């Protein structure tokens, strides 16, 4: 089951490779995610201190009155990968112009997983071409449905 998708990442970046990672959460954050209260817009992934971290993912509290005092909904969360995957990400991410972005959050065997994309930024010209292509496909689809 998918809980959130980062649509902006698919538009702003060309996804070259995908990785699956676990995420370290608190209990009330899991309940909030399972109820659909997650926003990946503006979030990104960094490699720091031999670990991978998710920054700026917004998880508002499930029950605001029962949330611990001082809870930050956009806190940095650790992503769980094995050492070989982290080394691979570090090597690929340091290539020219590549970045790590969270693509979607989903459930796999009752565990919350994050799909990370190794991505290359699109230029404005490429974005315009993508929009034109989508518009053309939409027109063709609409013409067939009439």
C-alpha atoms as a PDB file:
ATOM      1  CA  UNK A   1       0.000   0.000   0.000  1.00  0.00           C
ATOM      2  CA  UNK A   2       1.362   3.382  -0.970  1.00  0.00           C
ATOM      3  CA  UNK A   3       1.118   6.230   1.543  1.00  0.00           C
ATOM      4  CA  UNK A   4       2.787   9.137  -0.290  1.00  0.00           C
ATOM      5  CA  UNK A   5       4.372   9.926  -3.651  1.00  0.00           C
ATOM      6  CA  UNK A   6       6.735  12.786  -4.471  1.00  0.00           C
ATOM      7  CA  UNK A   7       5.241  13.899  -7.803  1.00  0.00           C
ATOM      8  CA  UNK A   8       7.501  16.927  -7.972  1.00  0.00           C
ATOM      9  CA  UNK A   9      10.604  14.721  -7.964  1.00  0.00           C
ATOM     10  CA  UNK A  10       9.427  12.901 -11.085  1.00  0.00           C
ATOM     11  CA  UNK A  11       8.983  16.246 -12.847  1.00  0.00           C
ATOM     12  CA  UNK A  12      12.129  18.037 -11.646  1.00  0.00           C
ATOM     13  CA  UNK A  13      14.499  15.063 -11.972  1.00  0.00           C
ATOM     14  CA  UNK A  14      15.287  12.252 -14.340  1.00  0.00           C
ATOM     15  CA  UNK A  15      15.373   9.124 -12.175  1.00  0.00           C
ATOM     16  CA  UNK A  16      18.393   6.965 -13.013  1.00  0.00           C
ATOM     17  CA  UNK A  17      18.274   4.315 -10.280  1.00  0.00           C
ATOM     18  CA  UNK A  18      15.995   3.362  -7.375  1.00  0.00           C
ATOM     19  CA  UNK A  19      16.754   1.985  -3.916  1.00  0.00           C
ATOM     20  CA  UNK A  20      14.516   0.685  -1.146  1.00  0.00           C
ATOM     21  CA  UNK A  21      15.225   1.727   2.452  1.00  0.00           C
ATOM     22  CA  UNK A  22      13.588   1.288   5.813  1.00  0.00           C
ATOM     23  CA  UNK A  23      12.947   4.342   7.947  1.00  0.00           C
ATOM     24  CA  UNK A  24      13.456   4.851  11.662  1.00  0.00           C
ATOM     25  CA  UNK A  25      10.211   6.217  13.115  1.00  0.00           C
ATOM     26  CA  UNK A  26       8.478   6.703  16.440  1.00  0.00           C
ATOM     27  CA  UNK A  27       5.229   4.839  17.136  1.00  0.00           C
ATOM     28  CA  UNK A  28       2.904   7.805  16.714  1.00  0.00           C
ATOM     29  CA  UNK A  29       4.647   8.683  13.431  1.00  0.00           C
ATOM     30  CA  UNK A  30       3.835   5.212  12.072  1.00  0.00           C
ATOM     31  CA  UNK A  31       0.158   5.727  12.930  1.00  0.00           C
ATOM     32  CA  UNK A  32       0.212   9.150  11.272  1.00  0.00           C
ATOM     33  CA  UNK A  33       1.767   7.733   8.088  1.00  0.00           C
ATOM     34  CA  UNK A  34      -0.698   4.847   7.943  1.00  0.00           C
ATOM     35  CA  UNK A  35      -3.542   7.341   8.210  1.00  0.00           C
ATOM     36  CA  UNK A  36      -2.121   9.248   5.205  1.00  0.00           C
ATOM     37  CA  UNK A  37      -0.605  12.229   7.033  1.00  0.00           C
ATOM     38  CA  UNK A  38       2.728  12.453   5.224  1.00  0.00           C
ATOM     39  CA  UNK A  39       4.125  15.071   2.867  1.00  0.00           C
ATOM     40  CA  UNK A  40       7.306  14.456   0.848  1.00  0.00           C
ATOM     41  CA  UNK A  41       7.235  17.777  -1.004  1.00  0.00           C
ATOM     42  CA  UNK A  42      10.514  19.614  -0.516  1.00  0.00           C
ATOM     43  CA  UNK A  43      12.214  16.684   1.191  1.00  0.00           C
ATOM     44  CA  UNK A  44      15.582  15.276   0.184  1.00  0.00           C
ATOM     45  CA  UNK A  45      18.079  12.583   1.156  1.00  0.00           C
ATOM     46  CA  UNK A  46      21.673  13.118   2.249  1.00  0.00           C
ATOM     47  CA  UNK A  47      24.560  10.848   3.175  1.00  0.00           C
ATOM     48  CA  UNK A  48      26.115  11.947   6.469  1.00  0.00           C
ATOM     49  CA  UNK A  49      28.248  10.196   9.127  1.00  0.00           C
ATOM     50  CA  UNK A  50      28.235   6.852   7.273  1.00  0.00           C
ATOM     51  CA  UNK A  51      24.436   6.889   7.241  1.00  0.00           C
ATOM     52  CA  UNK A  52      21.612   8.029   5.016  1.00  0.00           C
ATOM     53  CA  UNK A  53      19.113  10.580   6.325  1.00  0.00           C
ATOM     54  CA  UNK A  54      15.769  11.935   5.163  1.00  0.00           C
ATOM     55  CA  UNK A  55      15.386  15.697   5.626  1.00  0.00           C
ATOM     56  CA  UNK A  56      12.228  17.856   5.657  1.00  0.00           C
ATOM     57  CA  UNK A  57       9.668  15.054   5.279  1.00  0.00           C
ATOM     58  CA  UNK A  58       6.615  16.392   7.096  1.00  0.00           C
ATOM     59  CA  UNK A  59       4.751  13.937   9.346  1.00  0.00           C
ATOM     60  CA  UNK A  60       2.128  15.887  11.322  1.00  0.00           C
ATOM     61  CA  UNK A  61       1.105  14.288  14.626  1.00  0.00           C
ATOM     62  CA  UNK A  62      -1.624  11.624  14.558  1.00  0.00           C
ATOM     63  CA  UNK A  63      -3.255  12.998  17.710  1.00  0.00           C
ATOM     64  CA  UNK A  64      -1.881  16.494  18.417  1.00  0.00           C
ATOM     65  CA  UNK A  65      -2.989  16.454  22.060  1.00  0.00           C
ATOM     66  CA  UNK A  66      -1.121  13.187  22.769  1.00  0.00           C
ATOM     67  CA  UNK A  67       2.098  14.096  20.944  1.00  0.00           C
ATOM     68  CA  UNK A  68       5.243  14.487  23.078  1.00  0.00           C
ATOM     69  CA  UNK A  69       6.200  18.047  23.919  1.00  0.00           C
ATOM     70  CA  UNK A  70       8.679  19.611  21.507  1.00  0.00           C
ATOM     71  CA  UNK A  71       7.928  17.208  18.632  1.00  0.00           C
ATOM     72  CA  UNK A  72       9.254  18.518  15.303  1.00  0.00           C
ATOM     73  CA  UNK A  73       7.208  17.157  12.386  1.00  0.00           C
ATOM     74  CA  UNK A  74      10.055  17.888   9.938  1.00  0.00           C
ATOM     75  CA  UNK A  75      12.848  16.322  11.986  1.00  0.00           C
ATOM     76  CA  UNK A  76      15.703  14.432  10.325  1.00  0.00           C
ATOM     77  CA  UNK A  77      14.968  10.706  10.123  1.00  0.00           C
ATOM     78  CA  UNK A  78      17.507   7.948   9.620  1.00  0.00           C
ATOM     79  CA  UNK A  79      17.072   5.643   6.638  1.00  0.00           C
ATOM     80  CA  UNK A  80      18.025   2.016   7.111  1.00  0.00           C
ATOM     81  CA  UNK A  81      20.310   0.531   4.459  1.00  0.00           C
ATOM     82  CA  UNK A  82      23.133  -1.983   4.670  1.00  0.00           C
ATOM     83  CA  UNK A  83      26.758  -0.852   4.372  1.00  0.00           C
ATOM     84  CA  UNK A  84      27.174  -2.015   0.762  1.00  0.00           C
ATOM     85  CA  UNK A  85      24.110  -0.048  -0.342  1.00  0.00           C
ATOM     86  CA  UNK A  86      25.367   3.055   1.473  1.00  0.00           C
ATOM     87  CA  UNK A  87      28.791   2.772  -0.198  1.00  0.00           C
ATOM     88  CA  UNK A  88      27.119   2.383  -3.571  1.00  0.00           C
ATOM     89  CA  UNK A  89      24.941   5.453  -2.949  1.00  0.00           C
ATOM     90  CA  UNK A  90      27.926   7.522  -1.826  1.00  0.00           C
ATOM     91  CA  UNK A  91      29.900   6.591  -4.938  1.00  0.00           C
ATOM     92  CA  UNK A  92      27.049   7.304  -7.329  1.00  0.00           C
ATOM     93  CA  UNK A  93      25.853  10.468  -5.578  1.00  0.00           C
ATOM     94  CA  UNK A  94      29.268  12.119  -5.848  1.00  0.00           C
ATOM     95  CA  UNK A  95      29.123  11.902  -9.638  1.00  0.00           C
ATOM     96  CA  UNK A  96      28.555  15.242 -11.340  1.00  0.00           C
ATOM     97  CA  UNK A  97      25.011  16.559 -11.024  1.00  0.00           C
ATOM     98  CA  UNK A  98      23.448  13.570  -9.248  1.00  0.00           C
ATOM     99  CA  UNK A  99      21.288  13.852  -6.152  1.00  0.00           C
ATOM    100  CA  UNK A 100      19.203  11.596  -3.922  1.00  0.00           C
ATOM    101  CA  UNK A 101      15.451  12.242  -3.658  1.00  0.00           C
ATOM    102  CA  UNK A 102      12.672  10.337  -1.871  1.00  0.00           C
ATOM    103  CA  UNK A 103      10.170   9.108  -4.448  1.00  0.00           C
ATOM    104  CA  UNK A 104       7.472   7.356  -2.437  1.00  0.00           C
ATOM    105  CA  UNK A 105       6.630   5.844   0.934  1.00  0.00           C
ATOM    106  CA  UNK A 106       4.838   2.518   1.032  1.00  0.00           C
ATOM    107  CA  UNK A 107       4.162  -0.546   3.153  1.00  0.00           C
ATOM    108  CA  UNK A 108       5.853  -3.881   2.625  1.00  0.00           C
ATOM    109  CA  UNK A 109       4.955  -6.731   5.007  1.00  0.00           C
ATOM    110  CA  UNK A 110       3.699  -4.226   7.606  1.00  0.00           C
ATOM    111  CA  UNK A 111       6.954  -2.243   7.478  1.00  0.00           C
ATOM    112  CA  UNK A 112       7.198   1.350   6.246  1.00  0.00           C
ATOM    113  CA  UNK A 113       9.645   1.643   3.334  1.00  0.00           C
ATOM    114  CA  UNK A 114      10.992   4.632   1.426  1.00  0.00           C
ATOM    115  CA  UNK A 115      11.938   4.445  -2.239  1.00  0.00           C
ATOM    116  CA  UNK A 116      14.981   6.620  -2.925  1.00  0.00           C
ATOM    117  CA  UNK A 117      15.872   7.735  -6.414  1.00  0.00           C
ATOM    118  CA  UNK A 118      19.311   8.574  -7.718  1.00  0.00           C
ATOM    119  CA  UNK A 119      18.399  11.482  -9.950  1.00  0.00           C
ATOM    120  CA  UNK A 120      19.784  13.992 -12.398  1.00  0.00           C
ATOM    121  CA  UNK A 121      18.249  17.463 -12.490  1.00  0.00           C
ATOM    122  CA  UNK A 122      16.242  18.392 -15.583  1.00  0.00           C
ATOM    123  CA  UNK A 123      16.827  21.673 -17.348  1.00  0.00           C
ATOM    124  CA  UNK A 124      13.923  24.035 -18.096  1.00  0.00           C
ATOM    125  CA  UNK A 125      14.016  23.059 -21.774  1.00  0.00           C
ATOM    126  CA  UNK A 126      13.596  19.374 -20.902  1.00  0.00           C
ATOM    127  CA  UNK A 127      10.672  20.198 -18.600  1.00  0.00           C
ATOM    128  CA  UNK A 128       8.919  22.108 -21.384  1.00  0.00           C
ATOM    129  CA  UNK A 129       9.386  19.157 -23.749  1.00  0.00           C
ATOM    130  CA  UNK A 130       7.984  16.792 -21.124  1.00  0.00           C
ATOM    131  CA  UNK A 131       4.900  18.997 -20.694  1.00  0.00           C
ATOM    132  CA  UNK A 132       4.354  19.132 -24.478  1.00  0.00           C
ATOM    133  CA  UNK A 133       4.669  15.349 -24.727  1.00  0.00           C
ATOM    134  CA  UNK A 134       2.137  14.827 -21.915  1.00  0.00           C
ATOM    135  CA  UNK A 135      -0.304  17.277 -23.520  1.00  0.00           C
ATOM    136  CA  UNK A 136      -0.043  15.469 -26.862  1.00  0.00           C
ATOM    137  CA  UNK A 137      -0.636  12.075 -25.251  1.00  0.00           C
ATOM    138  CA  UNK A 138      -3.623  13.493 -23.349  1.00  0.00           C
ATOM    139  CA  UNK A 139      -5.139  14.869 -26.575  1.00  0.00           C
ATOM    140  CA  UNK A 140      -4.689  11.527 -28.331  1.00  0.00           C
ATOM    141  CA  UNK A 141      -6.287   9.694 -25.414  1.00  0.00           C
ATOM    142  CA  UNK A 142      -9.229  12.122 -25.315  1.00  0.00           C
ATOM    143  CA  UNK A 143      -9.751  11.815 -29.085  1.00  0.00           C
ATOM    144  CA  UNK A 144      -9.937   7.996 -28.761  1.00  0.00           C
ATOM    145  CA  UNK A 145     -12.485   8.224 -25.931  1.00  0.00           C
ATOM    146  CA  UNK A 146     -14.903  10.419 -27.941  1.00  0.00           C
END
